[in-house]
């Protein structure tokens, strides 16, 4: 059975660009919500945790950021299963609503000064809800766009979903900077930090408006009409030898390295500047924001390139390059900060975003094409969120802890370098049999959807 699709002219469906816009806009907002805390994690250590141990408070604050990643795989299973059984559209509407509510509530939380330990506990609970929601969002958006896109342009169209995490992070940084610059440090610390979270409520309403106009994926509709949807997608995806083999390949041959490369090039770069090199908040965030503006379009360019030359070689190139070049890049960043050459700092962050684009740009199409249509929401979501949420999400915490333990400012790079190298090796040498159909012609993926 090849990809099931409704024939042209059977019904009136939104065009591919409408699908991309509505899916991407909602996903950008969800990532914006999820990463607001990340852009303020070091700042939050003074608001939600005891002030007498600043180093411990900083690490606990980063650990709270990581809790949202721990539950992402559970969200992937929960919402992936719903998406494969009941449909893509309604599932990622639900994740959007959950994310919007939890993020908006962060904006009204009391601080440690007024509520004691109730404040950090409430913050962790809301981070857990955010993690569940984002665990179901990415897979739904990637599958939904891929199932509307022409087969020979899947890499291009799904790459717009790939930009959403970086764009969401970029928007979060811009909103935080705008609030801090317009209000001043004192007002921002007192109450202005709440504005970016409260703004989420407005953005979610706009995104829901766009998504409600969409119809269900034509591939899922065809599966449902043919009675071929899965009644137990979790069991079929991960309780069989073949399902476990493909899930393990997706995790250890793609998404684990992806997570480490993405979070090293963006979040760890920010934390390294602020907490290790002691660069001020404003300068560090401006350097990162400029780098993100320059580097994000590369994700779409690489996604389009993957339609022509294949996904794997680009992914492996990005992983190997990251493993080989992280140490000299961060040595260059430290030297540039010491000489106050912030153009070089920005350029070296952009270099890391090239690695991100090589790995991340083709990734949605790579994962969608790896799994059959009736199971792909569940099958791709779990390894994606273990890889990015656990392996990648813990990059800041593990890396900063290694720096604190060893006293070597570059020791934290050992973790992402090791994971990137292992992932590249697994991808290069452990390709499952069915996925070989993708290698000869990256646009001919009918065999992958049987």
Protein backbone atom coordinates (compact mmCIF):
# COMPACT_ATOMS: atom_id res chain seq x y z
CA UNK A 1 0.00 0.00 0.00
CA UNK A 2 1.43 3.38 -0.93
CA UNK A 3 0.60 6.69 0.70
CA UNK A 4 -3.18 6.96 0.85
CA UNK A 5 -4.43 10.30 -0.43
CA UNK A 6 -7.66 11.85 -1.58
CA UNK A 7 -7.61 12.43 -5.30
CA UNK A 8 -7.52 15.99 -6.63
CA UNK A 9 -10.98 17.39 -7.09
CA UNK A 10 -12.70 15.13 -4.54
CA UNK A 11 -13.05 17.95 -2.05
CA UNK A 12 -11.92 21.47 -1.50
CA UNK A 13 -8.96 21.55 0.83
CA UNK A 14 -6.66 24.39 1.83
CA UNK A 15 -3.60 24.84 -0.36
CA UNK A 16 -0.23 23.64 0.84
CA UNK A 17 0.87 27.15 1.82
CA UNK A 18 -2.24 27.62 3.97
CA UNK A 19 -1.46 24.30 5.65
CA UNK A 20 2.17 25.32 6.22
CA UNK A 21 1.21 28.76 7.57
CA UNK A 22 -1.46 27.54 9.99
CA UNK A 23 0.63 24.60 11.21
CA UNK A 24 3.82 26.62 11.55
CA UNK A 25 2.19 29.59 13.26
CA UNK A 26 0.73 27.41 15.98
CA UNK A 27 3.95 25.49 16.43
CA UNK A 28 6.00 28.71 16.63
CA UNK A 29 3.73 29.93 19.41
CA UNK A 30 4.03 26.64 21.29
CA UNK A 31 7.81 26.77 21.10
CA UNK A 32 7.70 30.44 22.10
CA UNK A 33 5.75 29.41 25.18
CA UNK A 34 8.04 26.50 25.93
CA UNK A 35 11.27 28.48 25.56
CA UNK A 36 10.25 31.65 27.38
CA UNK A 37 11.40 29.99 30.56
CA UNK A 38 14.62 28.93 28.89
CA UNK A 39 15.49 32.49 27.91
CA UNK A 40 14.84 33.61 31.50
CA UNK A 41 16.10 30.55 33.39
CA UNK A 42 19.14 32.24 34.91
CA UNK A 43 17.06 35.33 35.71
CA UNK A 44 14.33 33.13 37.27
CA UNK A 45 16.85 31.67 39.70
CA UNK A 46 16.55 34.92 41.67
CA UNK A 47 12.73 34.94 41.60
CA UNK A 48 11.58 31.40 42.32
CA UNK A 49 14.37 29.90 44.43
CA UNK A 50 16.10 30.72 47.73
CA UNK A 51 18.49 33.63 47.19
CA UNK A 52 21.23 32.59 49.63
CA UNK A 53 22.89 30.02 47.29
CA UNK A 54 23.14 31.64 43.85
CA UNK A 55 25.07 28.81 42.14
CA UNK A 56 22.71 26.15 43.46
CA UNK A 57 19.71 28.31 42.57
CA UNK A 58 21.01 28.70 39.02
CA UNK A 59 21.46 24.94 38.60
CA UNK A 60 18.02 24.20 40.10
CA UNK A 61 16.49 26.81 37.80
CA UNK A 62 18.09 25.12 34.79
CA UNK A 63 16.92 21.76 36.16
CA UNK A 64 13.36 23.13 36.30
CA UNK A 65 13.75 24.06 32.65
CA UNK A 66 14.76 20.45 32.02
CA UNK A 67 11.64 19.01 33.71
CA UNK A 68 9.59 20.10 30.72
CA UNK A 69 11.80 17.89 28.58
CA UNK A 70 11.48 14.82 30.80
CA UNK A 71 7.73 14.53 30.20
CA UNK A 72 7.85 15.26 26.48
CA UNK A 73 8.12 11.53 25.61
CA UNK A 74 4.97 10.85 27.64
CA UNK A 75 3.19 13.60 25.72
CA UNK A 76 4.47 12.02 22.52
CA UNK A 77 2.90 8.67 23.43
CA UNK A 78 -0.36 10.18 24.66
CA UNK A 79 -1.01 12.58 21.82
CA UNK A 80 0.70 10.46 19.17
CA UNK A 81 -1.68 7.62 19.95
CA UNK A 82 -4.67 9.97 19.80
CA UNK A 83 -3.42 11.42 16.52
CA UNK A 84 -3.04 8.00 14.88
CA UNK A 85 -6.42 6.79 16.13
CA UNK A 86 -8.62 9.90 15.94
CA UNK A 87 -6.87 12.34 13.62
CA UNK A 88 -4.05 14.84 13.33
CA UNK A 89 -5.99 18.12 13.36
CA UNK A 90 -7.94 17.82 16.59
CA UNK A 91 -4.93 16.44 18.43
CA UNK A 92 -2.72 19.41 17.75
CA UNK A 93 -5.59 21.76 18.56
CA UNK A 94 -5.67 20.17 22.03
CA UNK A 95 -1.91 20.52 22.53
CA UNK A 96 -2.11 24.19 21.56
CA UNK A 97 -4.81 24.89 24.15
CA UNK A 98 -2.90 23.10 26.92
CA UNK A 99 0.27 25.00 26.13
CA UNK A 100 -1.52 28.34 26.07
CA UNK A 101 -3.20 27.84 29.43
CA UNK A 102 -0.08 26.64 31.24
CA UNK A 103 2.14 29.39 29.84
CA UNK A 104 -0.33 32.15 30.65
CA UNK A 105 -0.56 30.87 34.22
CA UNK A 106 3.22 31.23 34.63
CA UNK A 107 2.63 34.94 34.14
CA UNK A 108 0.49 35.13 37.28
CA UNK A 109 2.57 32.91 39.60
CA UNK A 110 3.75 34.31 42.95
CA UNK A 111 7.51 34.47 43.50
CA UNK A 112 9.55 32.79 46.25
CA UNK A 113 9.58 36.02 48.21
CA UNK A 114 5.78 36.07 48.52
CA UNK A 115 4.85 32.36 48.47
CA UNK A 116 7.95 30.45 49.55
CA UNK A 117 8.32 26.95 48.15
CA UNK A 118 4.81 27.02 46.69
CA UNK A 119 6.23 29.17 43.89
CA UNK A 120 8.83 26.74 42.52
CA UNK A 121 6.47 23.77 42.95
CA UNK A 122 3.77 25.52 40.93
CA UNK A 123 6.35 26.48 38.31
CA UNK A 124 7.50 22.87 37.95
CA UNK A 125 3.89 21.67 37.55
CA UNK A 126 3.25 24.16 34.77
CA UNK A 127 6.54 23.18 33.09
CA UNK A 128 5.38 19.56 33.16
CA UNK A 129 2.09 20.48 31.46
CA UNK A 130 4.04 22.44 28.85
CA UNK A 131 6.23 19.42 28.24
CA UNK A 132 3.23 17.15 27.71
CA UNK A 133 1.74 19.60 25.23
CA UNK A 134 4.89 20.11 23.17
CA UNK A 135 5.34 16.33 23.16
CA UNK A 136 2.23 16.05 21.00
CA UNK A 137 2.60 19.23 18.97
CA UNK A 138 5.70 18.63 16.86
CA UNK A 139 4.73 15.19 15.55
CA UNK A 140 1.24 16.39 14.64
CA UNK A 141 2.46 19.43 12.76
CA UNK A 142 5.24 17.57 10.93
CA UNK A 143 2.96 14.71 9.89
CA UNK A 144 0.11 17.03 8.93
CA UNK A 145 2.31 19.12 6.61
CA UNK A 146 4.08 16.08 5.15
CA UNK A 147 0.77 14.40 4.36
CA UNK A 148 -0.32 17.45 2.35
CA UNK A 149 3.01 18.05 0.60
CA UNK A 150 4.04 16.63 -2.80
CA UNK A 151 6.35 13.66 -2.22
CA UNK A 152 9.21 15.27 -4.13
CA UNK A 153 9.03 18.43 -1.98
CA UNK A 154 8.48 17.01 1.50
CA UNK A 155 11.88 18.17 2.69
CA UNK A 156 11.15 21.73 1.61
CA UNK A 157 7.66 22.08 3.04
CA UNK A 158 8.32 20.23 6.30
CA UNK A 159 11.45 22.34 6.84
CA UNK A 160 9.16 25.25 7.72
CA UNK A 161 7.98 23.19 10.71
CA UNK A 162 11.66 22.69 11.52
CA UNK A 163 12.20 26.44 11.71
CA UNK A 164 9.46 26.86 14.29
CA UNK A 165 11.53 25.84 17.33
CA UNK A 166 14.27 28.32 16.43
CA UNK A 167 11.77 31.03 15.46
CA UNK A 168 9.86 30.47 18.70
CA UNK A 169 13.08 30.84 20.66
CA UNK A 170 13.98 33.93 18.62
CA UNK A 171 10.58 35.52 19.27
CA UNK A 172 10.88 34.72 22.98
CA UNK A 173 14.26 36.47 23.12
CA UNK A 174 12.92 39.52 21.21
CA UNK A 175 9.88 39.88 23.47
CA UNK A 176 12.01 39.53 26.61
CA UNK A 177 14.53 42.08 25.31
CA UNK A 178 11.78 44.51 24.29
CA UNK A 179 10.16 44.30 27.72
CA UNK A 180 13.45 44.68 29.56
CA UNK A 181 14.66 47.62 27.46
CA UNK A 182 11.34 49.47 27.56
CA UNK A 183 10.64 48.93 31.26
CA UNK A 184 14.13 49.05 32.72
CA UNK A 185 15.82 46.44 34.89
CA UNK A 186 14.01 47.28 38.13
CA UNK A 187 10.47 47.21 36.71
CA UNK A 188 11.23 44.14 34.59
CA UNK A 189 12.43 42.23 37.64
CA UNK A 190 9.49 43.39 39.75
CA UNK A 191 6.64 42.64 37.34
CA UNK A 192 7.65 43.13 33.68
CA UNK A 193 8.86 39.52 33.30
CA UNK A 194 5.19 38.49 33.45
CA UNK A 195 4.27 40.29 30.22
CA UNK A 196 5.82 37.77 27.77
CA UNK A 197 3.91 34.94 29.44
CA UNK A 198 0.60 36.79 29.50
CA UNK A 199 1.06 37.71 25.84
CA UNK A 200 0.89 34.00 25.09
CA UNK A 201 -2.87 34.02 25.71
CA UNK A 202 -3.42 36.45 22.83
CA UNK A 203 -1.12 34.54 20.50
CA UNK A 204 -2.84 31.23 21.24
CA UNK A 205 -6.24 32.67 20.32
CA UNK A 206 -4.89 33.87 16.97
CA UNK A 207 -3.31 30.50 16.28
CA UNK A 208 -6.49 28.61 17.17
CA UNK A 209 -8.37 30.80 14.71
CA UNK A 210 -5.99 29.75 11.94
CA UNK A 211 -6.01 26.07 12.81
CA UNK A 212 -9.78 25.79 13.09
CA UNK A 213 -9.96 26.60 9.39
CA UNK A 214 -7.99 23.48 8.49
CA UNK A 215 -9.48 20.13 7.52
CA UNK A 216 -8.12 16.73 8.47
CA UNK A 217 -5.06 15.30 6.74
CA UNK A 218 -6.04 13.67 3.42
CA UNK A 219 -3.85 10.67 4.21
CA UNK A 220 -5.55 10.09 7.56
CA UNK A 221 -9.00 10.56 6.00
CA UNK A 222 -8.20 7.94 3.38
CA UNK A 223 -6.94 5.56 6.07
CA UNK A 224 -10.09 6.09 8.11
CA UNK A 225 -12.40 5.55 5.12
CA UNK A 226 -10.52 2.36 4.25
CA UNK A 227 -10.74 1.14 7.85
CA UNK A 228 -6.96 0.95 8.08
CA UNK A 229 -6.26 3.18 11.07
CA UNK A 230 -4.50 1.56 13.99
CA UNK A 231 -6.48 0.63 17.09
CA UNK A 232 -3.31 0.33 19.18
CA UNK A 233 -0.56 2.52 17.69
CA UNK A 234 1.69 2.38 20.77
CA UNK A 235 1.75 -1.42 20.76
CA UNK A 236 2.20 -1.65 16.99
CA UNK A 237 4.94 0.97 17.02
CA UNK A 238 7.05 -0.24 19.91
CA UNK A 239 6.01 -3.75 20.98
CA UNK A 240 7.23 -5.52 17.83
CA UNK A 241 10.80 -6.26 16.79
CA UNK A 242 10.51 -4.20 13.63
CA UNK A 243 8.88 -1.29 15.43
CA UNK A 244 11.55 -1.29 18.13
CA UNK A 245 14.32 -1.52 15.52
CA UNK A 246 13.05 1.48 13.61
CA UNK A 247 12.34 3.45 16.78
CA UNK A 248 15.86 2.76 18.06
CA UNK A 249 17.35 3.79 14.71
CA UNK A 250 15.34 7.04 14.73
CA UNK A 251 16.52 7.77 18.28
CA UNK A 252 20.17 6.77 18.25
CA UNK A 253 20.75 7.45 14.55
CA UNK A 254 19.02 10.80 14.29
CA UNK A 255 17.17 12.56 17.10
CA UNK A 256 19.62 12.15 20.02
CA UNK A 257 22.33 13.92 18.05
CA UNK A 258 19.82 16.40 16.71
CA UNK A 259 18.78 17.36 20.24
CA UNK A 260 22.34 17.90 21.40
CA UNK A 261 23.32 19.92 18.33
CA UNK A 262 20.20 22.10 18.54
CA UNK A 263 20.48 22.88 22.26
CA UNK A 264 24.23 23.35 22.19
CA UNK A 265 24.09 25.82 19.31
CA UNK A 266 21.33 27.89 20.92
CA UNK A 267 20.62 27.41 24.63
CA UNK A 268 24.04 26.29 25.74
CA UNK A 269 25.62 29.07 23.69
CA UNK A 270 23.47 31.54 25.65
CA UNK A 271 24.21 29.97 29.04
CA UNK A 272 27.92 29.72 28.23
CA UNK A 273 28.01 33.45 27.50
CA UNK A 274 26.05 34.42 30.60
CA UNK A 275 26.95 31.96 33.33
CA UNK A 276 30.44 30.83 32.28
CA UNK A 277 31.91 33.91 30.59
CA UNK A 278 29.79 36.34 32.68
CA UNK A 279 28.70 38.37 29.68
CA UNK A 280 25.82 40.68 30.57
CA UNK A 281 22.24 39.57 29.84
CA UNK A 282 21.56 42.19 27.16
CA UNK A 283 24.70 41.67 25.08
CA UNK A 284 24.46 37.87 25.23
CA UNK A 285 20.84 37.86 24.08
CA UNK A 286 21.47 40.37 21.29
CA UNK A 287 24.34 38.24 19.93
CA UNK A 288 22.13 35.16 19.97
CA UNK A 289 19.13 36.96 18.45
CA UNK A 290 21.19 38.30 15.54
CA UNK A 291 22.70 34.84 14.96
CA UNK A 292 19.25 33.24 14.94
CA UNK A 293 17.99 35.79 12.41
CA UNK A 294 20.91 34.93 10.13
CA UNK A 295 20.93 31.18 10.64
CA UNK A 296 17.23 30.23 10.62
CA UNK A 297 16.68 30.55 6.82
CA UNK A 298 19.40 27.93 6.35
CA UNK A 299 17.01 25.31 7.75
CA UNK A 300 14.63 25.80 4.81
CA UNK A 301 17.50 25.85 2.31
CA UNK A 302 18.87 22.56 3.63
CA UNK A 303 15.39 21.03 3.76
CA UNK A 304 14.92 21.84 0.07
CA UNK A 305 18.38 20.46 -0.74
CA UNK A 306 17.47 17.18 0.94
CA UNK A 307 14.73 16.65 -1.67
CA UNK A 308 17.46 16.55 -4.30
CA UNK A 309 20.39 14.73 -2.71
CA UNK A 310 18.85 12.78 0.19
CA UNK A 311 18.40 13.35 3.90
CA UNK A 312 21.02 11.14 5.55
CA UNK A 313 24.18 12.58 4.07
CA UNK A 314 23.20 16.07 5.21
CA UNK A 315 22.29 14.87 8.70
CA UNK A 316 25.56 12.95 9.09
CA UNK A 317 27.57 15.93 7.81
CA UNK A 318 26.02 18.20 10.43
CA UNK A 319 26.63 15.75 13.27
CA UNK A 320 30.26 15.08 12.35
CA UNK A 321 30.98 18.78 11.85
CA UNK A 322 29.54 19.63 15.27
CA UNK A 323 31.55 16.93 17.03
CA UNK A 324 34.76 18.05 15.33
CA UNK A 325 34.40 21.82 15.67
CA UNK A 326 32.65 22.59 18.96
CA UNK A 327 35.83 22.96 21.01
CA UNK A 328 37.59 25.43 18.66
CA UNK A 329 34.32 27.35 18.21
CA UNK A 330 33.85 27.81 21.96
CA UNK A 331 37.49 28.67 22.42
CA UNK A 332 36.97 31.35 19.79
CA UNK A 333 33.87 32.62 21.61
CA UNK A 334 35.80 32.92 24.87
CA UNK A 335 38.61 34.79 23.13
CA UNK A 336 36.16 37.11 21.36
CA UNK A 337 34.32 37.93 24.58
CA UNK A 338 37.62 38.71 26.29
CA UNK A 339 38.47 41.17 23.50
CA UNK A 340 34.84 42.44 23.36
CA UNK A 341 34.58 41.49 19.68
CA UNK A 342 30.88 40.66 19.65
CA UNK A 343 30.69 40.37 15.87
CA UNK A 344 32.97 37.33 16.13
CA UNK A 345 30.84 35.95 18.98
CA UNK A 346 27.76 36.23 16.76
CA UNK A 347 29.54 34.68 13.76
CA UNK A 348 30.64 31.69 15.84
CA UNK A 349 27.05 31.13 17.01
CA UNK A 350 25.97 31.28 13.35
CA UNK A 351 28.56 28.57 12.59
CA UNK A 352 26.79 26.33 15.11
CA UNK A 353 23.46 27.14 13.46
CA UNK A 354 24.86 25.76 10.22
CA UNK A 355 25.24 22.42 12.01
CA UNK A 356 21.68 22.80 13.31
CA UNK A 357 20.37 23.42 9.78
CA UNK A 358 22.20 20.40 8.34
CA UNK A 359 20.75 18.07 10.96
CA UNK A 360 17.37 19.68 11.58
CA UNK A 361 16.37 20.87 8.10
CA UNK A 362 15.82 17.37 6.63
CA UNK A 363 14.73 15.75 9.89
CA UNK A 364 10.93 16.01 9.70
CA UNK A 365 10.82 14.50 6.21
CA UNK A 366 13.39 11.88 7.25
CA UNK A 367 11.25 10.76 10.21
CA UNK A 368 7.92 10.90 8.35
CA UNK A 369 9.31 8.75 5.55
CA UNK A 370 10.76 6.26 8.00
CA UNK A 371 7.40 5.10 9.35
CA UNK A 372 4.12 3.89 7.78
CA UNK A 373 1.24 6.39 7.60
CA UNK A 374 -1.04 4.57 10.04
CA UNK A 375 1.56 4.71 12.82
CA UNK A 376 3.79 7.66 12.02
CA UNK A 377 2.39 10.21 14.51
CA UNK A 378 3.21 7.86 17.39
CA UNK A 379 6.27 6.24 15.86
CA UNK A 380 8.16 9.44 15.10
CA UNK A 381 7.00 11.45 18.11
CA UNK A 382 8.48 9.21 20.81
CA UNK A 383 12.06 8.97 19.48
CA UNK A 384 11.96 12.64 18.52
CA UNK A 385 11.05 13.78 22.02
CA UNK A 386 13.40 11.38 23.78
CA UNK A 387 16.19 12.57 21.51
CA UNK A 388 15.47 16.27 21.68
CA UNK A 389 13.75 16.38 25.06
CA UNK A 390 16.00 14.11 27.10
CA UNK A 391 19.35 13.93 25.30
CA UNK A 392 19.09 17.50 24.04
CA UNK A 393 17.10 19.10 26.82
CA UNK A 394 19.67 18.13 29.41
CA UNK A 395 22.57 19.71 27.51
CA UNK A 396 22.51 22.95 29.57
CA UNK A 397 22.21 21.16 32.91
CA UNK A 398 24.79 18.43 32.21
CA UNK A 399 27.22 20.79 30.51
CA UNK A 400 27.05 23.53 33.15
CA UNK A 401 27.39 20.89 35.89
CA UNK A 402 30.52 19.52 34.22
CA UNK A 403 31.97 23.02 34.06
CA UNK A 404 31.17 23.62 37.74
CA UNK A 405 32.60 20.22 38.78
CA UNK A 406 35.83 20.33 36.77
CA UNK A 407 36.53 24.04 36.66
CA UNK A 408 37.29 23.66 32.95
CA UNK A 409 35.02 26.00 30.95
CA UNK A 410 35.11 23.65 27.94
CA UNK A 411 34.36 20.44 29.84
CA UNK A 412 30.64 20.84 29.19
CA UNK A 413 31.20 20.28 25.47
CA UNK A 414 32.17 16.65 26.06
CA UNK A 415 28.52 15.60 26.37
CA UNK A 416 27.15 17.00 23.08
CA UNK A 417 30.31 15.99 21.21
CA UNK A 418 29.98 12.37 22.34
CA UNK A 419 26.27 12.14 21.52
CA UNK A 420 26.71 13.77 18.10
CA UNK A 421 29.55 11.39 17.19
CA UNK A 422 27.65 8.27 18.32
CA UNK A 423 24.52 9.37 16.43
CA UNK A 424 26.49 9.97 13.24
CA UNK A 425 28.02 6.48 13.47
CA UNK A 426 24.66 4.78 14.05
CA UNK A 427 23.07 6.66 11.15
CA UNK A 428 25.94 5.81 8.82
CA UNK A 429 26.33 2.12 9.65
CA UNK A 430 23.01 0.84 11.04
CA UNK A 431 20.47 1.76 8.34
CA UNK A 432 17.40 -0.52 8.60
CA UNK A 433 16.46 -2.53 5.55
CA UNK A 434 13.21 -0.78 4.63
CA UNK A 435 14.80 2.66 4.91
CA UNK A 436 17.25 1.72 2.15
CA UNK A 437 14.47 2.54 -0.32
CA UNK A 438 15.08 6.17 0.49
CA UNK A 439 18.76 6.09 -0.41
CA UNK A 440 18.61 5.55 -4.16
CA UNK A 441 16.02 8.26 -4.77
CA UNK A 442 15.03 10.45 -1.84
CA UNK A 443 11.75 11.43 -3.50
CA UNK A 444 10.58 7.86 -4.14
CA UNK A 445 9.31 6.80 -0.74
CA UNK A 446 6.30 4.65 -1.63
CA UNK A 447 7.93 1.60 -0.08
CA UNK A 448 8.27 3.43 3.20
CA UNK A 449 4.51 3.86 3.54
CA UNK A 450 3.47 0.27 3.05
